[in-house]
Amino acid sequence: MFASILFCMYTTMGAT
């Protein structure tokens, strides 16, 4: 779902 992509992008941005 869209939430999955949103979470993935959010975590990736927050990872750095």
PDB file of N, CA and C in Angstrom:
ATOM      1  N   MET A   1       0.831  -1.210   0.000  1.00  0.00           N
ATOM      2  CA  MET A   1       0.000   0.000   0.000  1.00  0.00           C
ATOM      3  C   MET A   1       0.870   1.266   0.000  1.00  0.00           C
ATOM      4  N   PHE A   2       0.218   2.382  -0.120  1.00  0.00           N
ATOM      5  CA  PHE A   2       0.945   3.660  -0.162  1.00  0.00           C
ATOM      6  C   PHE A   2       1.726   3.901   1.136  1.00  0.00           C
ATOM      7  N   ALA A   3       1.140   3.467   2.246  1.00  0.00           N
ATOM      8  CA  ALA A   3       1.789   3.658   3.551  1.00  0.00           C
ATOM      9  C   ALA A   3       3.153   2.977   3.564  1.00  0.00           C
ATOM     10  N   SER A   4       3.244   1.843   2.884  1.00  0.00           N
ATOM     11  CA  SER A   4       4.507   1.088   2.856  1.00  0.00           C
ATOM     12  C   SER A   4       5.602   1.923   2.199  1.00  0.00           C
ATOM     13  N   ILE A   5       5.264   2.540   1.071  1.00  0.00           N
ATOM     14  CA  ILE A   5       6.246   3.358   0.344  1.00  0.00           C
ATOM     15  C   ILE A   5       6.586   4.603   1.159  1.00  0.00           C
ATOM     16  N   LEU A   6       5.565   5.190   1.763  1.00  0.00           N
ATOM     17  CA  LEU A   6       5.771   6.392   2.562  1.00  0.00           C
ATOM     18  C   LEU A   6       6.702   6.109   3.724  1.00  0.00           C
ATOM     19  N   PHE A   7       6.458   4.995   4.376  1.00  0.00           N
ATOM     20  CA  PHE A   7       7.289   4.616   5.522  1.00  0.00           C
ATOM     21  C   PHE A   7       8.720   4.360   5.094  1.00  0.00           C
ATOM     22  N   CYS A   8       8.865   3.677   3.972  1.00  0.00           N
ATOM     23  CA  CYS A   8      10.200   3.357   3.449  1.00  0.00           C
ATOM     24  C   CYS A   8      10.976   4.634   3.154  1.00  0.00           C
ATOM     25  N   MET A   9      10.326   5.576   2.499  1.00  0.00           N
ATOM     26  CA  MET A   9      10.976   6.838   2.147  1.00  0.00           C
ATOM     27  C   MET A   9      11.279   7.641   3.403  1.00  0.00           C
ATOM     28  N   TYR A  10      10.335   7.621   4.346  1.00  0.00           N
ATOM     29  CA  TYR A  10      10.500   8.371   5.584  1.00  0.00           C
ATOM     30  C   TYR A  10      11.691   7.862   6.391  1.00  0.00           C
ATOM     31  N   THR A  11      11.780   6.532   6.492  1.00  0.00           N
ATOM     32  CA  THR A  11      12.876   5.929   7.252  1.00  0.00           C
ATOM     33  C   THR A  11      14.209   6.175   6.549  1.00  0.00           C
ATOM     34  N   THR A  12      14.217   6.105   5.242  1.00  0.00           N
ATOM     35  CA  THR A  12      15.439   6.325   4.470  1.00  0.00           C
ATOM     36  C   THR A  12      15.929   7.757   4.665  1.00  0.00           C
ATOM     37  N   MET A  13      15.020   8.700   4.681  1.00  0.00           N
ATOM     38  CA  MET A  13      15.400  10.110   4.865  1.00  0.00           C
ATOM     39  C   MET A  13      15.858  10.355   6.296  1.00  0.00           C
ATOM     40  N   GLY A  14      15.245   9.661   7.228  1.00  0.00           N
ATOM     41  CA  GLY A  14      15.587   9.834   8.637  1.00  0.00           C
ATOM     42  C   GLY A  14      16.835   9.036   9.009  1.00  0.00           C
ATOM     43  N   ALA A  15      17.151   8.025   8.172  1.00  0.00           N
ATOM     44  CA  ALA A  15      18.322   7.200   8.449  1.00  0.00           C
ATOM     45  C   ALA A  15      19.592   8.032   8.322  1.00  0.00           C
ATOM     46  N   THR A  16      19.606   8.908   7.320  1.00  0.00           N
ATOM     47  CA  THR A  16      20.763   9.752   7.080  1.00  0.00           C
ATOM     48  C   THR A  16      20.630  10.988   7.946  1.00  0.00           C
TER      49      THR A  16
END
